Amino acid sequence: MTVQLLTRVVCSSMLVLATSYSLVLGEVPAGASPITVSDGKTISMEYTLTLEDKKVLDTNVGGEPMNFTQGSHQIIPGLESALEGMKVGESKQVTVDPEQGYGPVNPEAVQEVPIESIPPDARKVGVRLQGQDAQGRMVHPLVTEVKEQVVMLDFNHPLAGKKLYFDVKILDIQAASTSEPKP
């Protein structure tokens, strides 16, 4: 092989390597539009959730990313819509009102149950119980009042009625799989 031909082979290999490397890093080739958060795409995200008092309620920063499919209602509506159009590496602060989060507090979700239905050690205000509703879904009512014959349980989500503050960063976006399931 001549030196000139060898140089072309090495340069071509480096170009392929460089192209592969840029795709791994999520760079967009010149002239192409960047992939953005949109329905059907698998999103990998870092987030921190706080309330108005700035107390951190939940975060995955420094841990495993949160993965979900955009548009599939796996996350609360207000956050899902705020992420639409974001790109890999982009960060954003998102405020979600109760109506687009866990809903307003529903007074009908507070129910009276006979005291004998509650274990004796759980008959204390502030205790969170665990059970199943009529459809078999897990519920976690909060004991809000203990009376002589009944216990008041609040079945509202703990974040119902609260404004939520998210700091989010999009870590990765993957296009939806187009392959057909194999029989």
C-alpha atoms as a PDB file:
ATOM      1  CA  MET A   1       0.000   0.000   0.000  1.00  0.00           C
ATOM      2  CA  THR A   2       1.358   3.421  -0.845  1.00  0.00           C
ATOM      3  CA  VAL A   3       1.706   6.150   1.752  1.00  0.00           C
ATOM      4  CA  GLN A   4      -0.976   8.255   0.042  1.00  0.00           C
ATOM      5  CA  LEU A   5      -3.526   5.373   0.007  1.00  0.00           C
ATOM      6  CA  LEU A   6      -2.691   4.474   3.618  1.00  0.00           C
ATOM      7  CA  THR A   7      -3.259   8.114   4.633  1.00  0.00           C
ATOM      8  CA  ARG A   8      -6.698   8.075   2.953  1.00  0.00           C
ATOM      9  CA  VAL A   9      -7.687   4.842   4.729  1.00  0.00           C
ATOM     10  CA  VAL A  10      -6.558   6.214   8.102  1.00  0.00           C
ATOM     11  CA  CYS A  11      -8.342   9.547   7.479  1.00  0.00           C
ATOM     12  CA  SER A  12     -11.526   7.752   6.376  1.00  0.00           C
ATOM     13  CA  SER A  13     -11.406   5.589   9.487  1.00  0.00           C
ATOM     14  CA  MET A  14     -10.932   8.672  11.641  1.00  0.00           C
ATOM     15  CA  LEU A  15     -13.892  10.357   9.922  1.00  0.00           C
ATOM     16  CA  VAL A  16     -16.100   7.320  10.594  1.00  0.00           C
ATOM     17  CA  LEU A  17     -14.841   7.246  14.172  1.00  0.00           C
ATOM     18  CA  ALA A  18     -15.460  10.978  14.591  1.00  0.00           C
ATOM     19  CA  THR A  19     -18.938  10.674  13.081  1.00  0.00           C
ATOM     20  CA  SER A  20     -19.793   7.748  15.372  1.00  0.00           C
ATOM     21  CA  TYR A  21     -18.404   9.634  18.345  1.00  0.00           C
ATOM     22  CA  SER A  22     -20.488  12.724  17.613  1.00  0.00           C
ATOM     23  CA  LEU A  23     -23.642  10.605  17.355  1.00  0.00           C
ATOM     24  CA  VAL A  24     -22.881   9.003  20.707  1.00  0.00           C
ATOM     25  CA  LEU A  25     -22.559  12.450  22.255  1.00  0.00           C
ATOM     26  CA  GLY A  26     -25.922  13.463  20.818  1.00  0.00           C
ATOM     27  CA  GLU A  27     -24.495  16.105  18.505  1.00  0.00           C
ATOM     28  CA  VAL A  28     -26.596  16.954  15.506  1.00  0.00           C
ATOM     29  CA  PRO A  29     -25.006  16.787  12.074  1.00  0.00           C
ATOM     30  CA  ALA A  30     -24.929  20.113  10.210  1.00  0.00           C
ATOM     31  CA  GLY A  31     -28.259  20.876   8.569  1.00  0.00           C
ATOM     32  CA  ALA A  32     -30.248  18.432  10.726  1.00  0.00           C
ATOM     33  CA  SER A  33     -32.637  19.606  13.387  1.00  0.00           C
ATOM     34  CA  PRO A  34     -31.959  18.473  16.970  1.00  0.00           C
ATOM     35  CA  ILE A  35     -34.163  15.789  18.479  1.00  0.00           C
ATOM     36  CA  THR A  36     -36.593  17.306  20.978  1.00  0.00           C
ATOM     37  CA  VAL A  37     -38.980  16.059  23.632  1.00  0.00           C
ATOM     38  CA  SER A  38     -42.178  15.074  21.842  1.00  0.00           C
ATOM     39  CA  ASP A  39     -44.886  12.430  22.064  1.00  0.00           C
ATOM     40  CA  GLY A  40     -43.678   8.857  21.817  1.00  0.00           C
ATOM     41  CA  LYS A  41     -40.040   9.590  22.607  1.00  0.00           C
ATOM     42  CA  THR A  42     -38.311   7.995  25.597  1.00  0.00           C
ATOM     43  CA  ILE A  43     -36.975  10.719  27.867  1.00  0.00           C
ATOM     44  CA  SER A  44     -34.238  10.448  30.477  1.00  0.00           C
ATOM     45  CA  MET A  45     -34.427  13.311  32.960  1.00  0.00           C
ATOM     46  CA  GLU A  46     -32.857  14.646  36.124  1.00  0.00           C
ATOM     47  CA  TYR A  47     -35.144  16.597  38.468  1.00  0.00           C
ATOM     48  CA  THR A  48     -35.558  18.212  41.860  1.00  0.00           C
ATOM     49  CA  LEU A  49     -39.044  18.817  43.278  1.00  0.00           C
ATOM     50  CA  THR A  50     -39.688  21.509  45.896  1.00  0.00           C
ATOM     51  CA  LEU A  51     -42.708  23.272  47.354  1.00  0.00           C
ATOM     52  CA  GLU A  52     -43.128  27.013  47.981  1.00  0.00           C
ATOM     53  CA  ASP A  53     -41.012  26.786  51.156  1.00  0.00           C
ATOM     54  CA  LYS A  54     -38.080  25.589  48.952  1.00  0.00           C
ATOM     55  CA  LYS A  55     -37.839  22.323  50.918  1.00  0.00           C
ATOM     56  CA  VAL A  56     -36.651  19.518  48.626  1.00  0.00           C
ATOM     57  CA  LEU A  57     -39.333  16.817  48.496  1.00  0.00           C
ATOM     58  CA  ASP A  58     -37.671  14.578  45.934  1.00  0.00           C
ATOM     59  CA  THR A  59     -34.620  14.562  43.695  1.00  0.00           C
ATOM     60  CA  ASN A  60     -32.717  12.132  41.541  1.00  0.00           C
ATOM     61  CA  VAL A  61     -29.720  14.418  40.965  1.00  0.00           C
ATOM     62  CA  GLY A  62     -26.591  12.305  41.314  1.00  0.00           C
ATOM     63  CA  GLY A  63     -28.640   9.113  41.111  1.00  0.00           C
ATOM     64  CA  GLU A  64     -30.535   7.145  38.515  1.00  0.00           C
ATOM     65  CA  PRO A  65     -32.291   9.289  35.893  1.00  0.00           C
ATOM     66  CA  MET A  66     -36.068   9.241  35.586  1.00  0.00           C
ATOM     67  CA  ASN A  67     -37.147   7.545  32.353  1.00  0.00           C
ATOM     68  CA  PHE A  68     -40.594   7.870  30.787  1.00  0.00           C
ATOM     69  CA  THR A  69     -42.355   8.038  27.445  1.00  0.00           C
ATOM     70  CA  GLN A  70     -43.505  11.544  26.587  1.00  0.00           C
ATOM     71  CA  GLY A  71     -47.240  11.778  25.935  1.00  0.00           C
ATOM     72  CA  SER A  72     -48.089   8.531  27.741  1.00  0.00           C
ATOM     73  CA  HIS A  73     -49.233  10.276  30.951  1.00  0.00           C
ATOM     74  CA  GLN A  74     -46.576   8.587  33.091  1.00  0.00           C
ATOM     75  CA  ILE A  75     -45.833  11.945  34.746  1.00  0.00           C
ATOM     76  CA  ILE A  76     -48.141  14.748  35.879  1.00  0.00           C
ATOM     77  CA  PRO A  77     -49.734  16.754  33.027  1.00  0.00           C
ATOM     78  CA  GLY A  78     -48.230  20.136  33.908  1.00  0.00           C
ATOM     79  CA  LEU A  79     -44.685  18.788  33.872  1.00  0.00           C
ATOM     80  CA  GLU A  80     -45.236  16.718  30.745  1.00  0.00           C
ATOM     81  CA  SER A  81     -46.474  19.731  28.753  1.00  0.00           C
ATOM     82  CA  ALA A  82     -43.639  21.972  30.049  1.00  0.00           C
ATOM     83  CA  LEU A  83     -41.018  19.512  28.771  1.00  0.00           C
ATOM     84  CA  GLU A  84     -42.376  19.523  25.211  1.00  0.00           C
ATOM     85  CA  GLY A  85     -39.754  20.816  22.767  1.00  0.00           C
ATOM     86  CA  MET A  86     -36.778  20.668  25.149  1.00  0.00           C
ATOM     87  CA  LYS A  87     -33.421  19.334  23.873  1.00  0.00           C
ATOM     88  CA  VAL A  88     -30.746  17.112  25.402  1.00  0.00           C
ATOM     89  CA  GLY A  89     -28.688  19.102  27.912  1.00  0.00           C
ATOM     90  CA  GLU A  90     -31.366  21.771  28.329  1.00  0.00           C
ATOM     91  CA  SER A  91     -32.452  22.738  31.857  1.00  0.00           C
ATOM     92  CA  LYS A  92     -35.623  24.473  32.938  1.00  0.00           C
ATOM     93  CA  GLN A  93     -37.528  25.571  36.030  1.00  0.00           C
ATOM     94  CA  VAL A  94     -41.169  24.520  35.885  1.00  0.00           C
ATOM     95  CA  THR A  95     -44.028  25.594  38.160  1.00  0.00           C
ATOM     96  CA  VAL A  96     -47.038  23.284  38.166  1.00  0.00           C
ATOM     97  CA  ASP A  97     -50.367  24.457  39.611  1.00  0.00           C
ATOM     98  CA  PRO A  98     -52.468  21.893  41.533  1.00  0.00           C
ATOM     99  CA  GLU A  99     -54.929  21.469  38.644  1.00  0.00           C
ATOM    100  CA  GLN A 100     -52.070  20.252  36.420  1.00  0.00           C
ATOM    101  CA  GLY A 101     -50.355  18.318  39.221  1.00  0.00           C
ATOM    102  CA  TYR A 102     -52.098  16.132  41.777  1.00  0.00           C
ATOM    103  CA  GLY A 103     -55.356  18.068  41.664  1.00  0.00           C
ATOM    104  CA  PRO A 104     -57.068  20.276  44.215  1.00  0.00           C
ATOM    105  CA  VAL A 105     -57.902  18.949  47.665  1.00  0.00           C
ATOM    106  CA  ASN A 106     -61.177  17.026  47.374  1.00  0.00           C
ATOM    107  CA  PRO A 107     -63.272  17.284  50.554  1.00  0.00           C
ATOM    108  CA  GLU A 108     -65.151  14.128  49.504  1.00  0.00           C
ATOM    109  CA  ALA A 109     -61.879  12.177  49.746  1.00  0.00           C
ATOM    110  CA  VAL A 110     -62.035  12.552  53.547  1.00  0.00           C
ATOM    111  CA  GLN A 111     -63.994   9.632  54.930  1.00  0.00           C
ATOM    112  CA  GLU A 112     -65.170   8.364  58.277  1.00  0.00           C
ATOM    113  CA  VAL A 113     -64.441   4.695  59.047  1.00  0.00           C
ATOM    114  CA  PRO A 114     -65.330   2.654  62.128  1.00  0.00           C
ATOM    115  CA  ILE A 115     -62.504   2.754  64.659  1.00  0.00           C
ATOM    116  CA  GLU A 116     -62.369  -1.050  64.845  1.00  0.00           C
ATOM    117  CA  SER A 117     -61.364  -1.084  61.130  1.00  0.00           C
ATOM    118  CA  ILE A 118     -58.077   0.612  62.048  1.00  0.00           C
ATOM    119  CA  PRO A 119     -55.294  -1.269  63.869  1.00  0.00           C
ATOM    120  CA  PRO A 120     -54.892   0.083  67.442  1.00  0.00           C
ATOM    121  CA  ASP A 121     -51.289   1.247  66.866  1.00  0.00           C
ATOM    122  CA  ALA A 122     -52.414   3.269  63.797  1.00  0.00           C
ATOM    123  CA  ARG A 123     -55.145   5.230  65.584  1.00  0.00           C
ATOM    124  CA  LYS A 124     -53.029   8.386  65.774  1.00  0.00           C
ATOM    125  CA  VAL A 125     -53.317  11.657  63.856  1.00  0.00           C
ATOM    126  CA  GLY A 126     -50.596  11.839  61.203  1.00  0.00           C
ATOM    127  CA  VAL A 127     -50.265   8.091  60.617  1.00  0.00           C
ATOM    128  CA  ARG A 128     -50.293   7.116  56.942  1.00  0.00           C
ATOM    129  CA  LEU A 129     -52.040   3.806  56.317  1.00  0.00           C
ATOM    130  CA  GLN A 130     -51.714   1.481  53.361  1.00  0.00           C
ATOM    131  CA  GLY A 131     -54.522  -0.464  51.725  1.00  0.00           C
ATOM    132  CA  GLN A 132     -56.380  -1.162  48.494  1.00  0.00           C
ATOM    133  CA  ASP A 133     -59.420   0.527  47.040  1.00  0.00           C
ATOM    134  CA  ALA A 134     -62.381  -1.277  45.434  1.00  0.00           C
ATOM    135  CA  GLN A 135     -60.473  -1.493  42.117  1.00  0.00           C
ATOM    136  CA  GLY A 136     -57.425  -3.081  43.789  1.00  0.00           C
ATOM    137  CA  ARG A 137     -55.221   0.042  43.537  1.00  0.00           C
ATOM    138  CA  MET A 138     -52.916   0.878  46.440  1.00  0.00           C
ATOM    139  CA  VAL A 139     -54.109   3.777  48.610  1.00  0.00           C
ATOM    140  CA  HIS A 140     -52.317   5.575  51.429  1.00  0.00           C
ATOM    141  CA  PRO A 141     -54.876   7.490  53.490  1.00  0.00           C
ATOM    142  CA  LEU A 142     -53.766   9.819  56.270  1.00  0.00           C
ATOM    143  CA  VAL A 143     -55.351   9.656  59.726  1.00  0.00           C
ATOM    144  CA  THR A 144     -56.583  13.217  60.313  1.00  0.00           C
ATOM    145  CA  GLU A 145     -58.804  12.740  63.365  1.00  0.00           C
ATOM    146  CA  VAL A 146     -59.530  10.005  65.909  1.00  0.00           C
ATOM    147  CA  LYS A 147     -62.931  10.082  67.602  1.00  0.00           C
ATOM    148  CA  GLU A 148     -64.514   7.694  70.066  1.00  0.00           C
ATOM    149  CA  GLN A 149     -66.228   5.491  67.459  1.00  0.00           C
ATOM    150  CA  VAL A 150     -64.688   6.593  64.125  1.00  0.00           C
ATOM    151  CA  VAL A 151     -61.422   7.582  62.498  1.00  0.00           C
ATOM    152  CA  MET A 152     -61.261  10.267  59.801  1.00  0.00           C
ATOM    153  CA  LEU A 153     -59.104   9.250  56.827  1.00  0.00           C
ATOM    154  CA  ASP A 154     -57.924  11.624  54.100  1.00  0.00           C
ATOM    155  CA  PHE A 155     -57.500   9.794  50.783  1.00  0.00           C
ATOM    156  CA  ASN A 156     -56.229  12.883  48.907  1.00  0.00           C
ATOM    157  CA  HIS A 157     -52.754  12.565  47.405  1.00  0.00           C
ATOM    158  CA  PRO A 158     -50.213  14.146  49.818  1.00  0.00           C
ATOM    159  CA  LEU A 159     -49.411  16.764  47.139  1.00  0.00           C
ATOM    160  CA  ALA A 160     -53.039  17.571  46.261  1.00  0.00           C
ATOM    161  CA  GLY A 161     -53.705  21.305  46.407  1.00  0.00           C
ATOM    162  CA  LYS A 162     -49.992  22.170  46.318  1.00  0.00           C
ATOM    163  CA  LYS A 163     -48.069  24.200  43.763  1.00  0.00           C
ATOM    164  CA  LEU A 164     -45.019  22.184  42.658  1.00  0.00           C
ATOM    165  CA  TYR A 165     -41.635  23.571  41.627  1.00  0.00           C
ATOM    166  CA  PHE A 166     -39.385  21.425  39.434  1.00  0.00           C
ATOM    167  CA  ASP A 167     -35.812  21.986  38.305  1.00  0.00           C
ATOM    168  CA  VAL A 168     -35.369  19.638  35.350  1.00  0.00           C
ATOM    169  CA  LYS A 169     -32.580  18.720  32.966  1.00  0.00           C
ATOM    170  CA  ILE A 170     -33.042  16.549  29.893  1.00  0.00           C
ATOM    171  CA  LEU A 171     -30.272  13.941  29.844  1.00  0.00           C
ATOM    172  CA  ASP A 172     -31.280  11.893  26.813  1.00  0.00           C
ATOM    173  CA  ILE A 173     -34.009  11.552  24.202  1.00  0.00           C
ATOM    174  CA  GLN A 174     -34.561   8.350  22.248  1.00  0.00           C
ATOM    175  CA  ALA A 175     -36.880   8.041  19.277  1.00  0.00           C
ATOM    176  CA  ALA A 176     -39.719   5.552  19.572  1.00  0.00           C
ATOM    177  CA  SER A 177     -38.904   2.047  18.411  1.00  0.00           C
ATOM    178  CA  THR A 178     -40.330   1.387  14.960  1.00  0.00           C
ATOM    179  CA  SER A 179     -39.701  -2.345  14.985  1.00  0.00           C
ATOM    180  CA  GLU A 180     -42.721  -4.610  15.014  1.00  0.00           C
ATOM    181  CA  PRO A 181     -43.063  -7.019  17.916  1.00  0.00           C
ATOM    182  CA  LYS A 182     -41.974 -10.540  16.986  1.00  0.00           C
ATOM    183  CA  PRO A 183     -44.563 -13.318  17.220  1.00  0.00           C
END
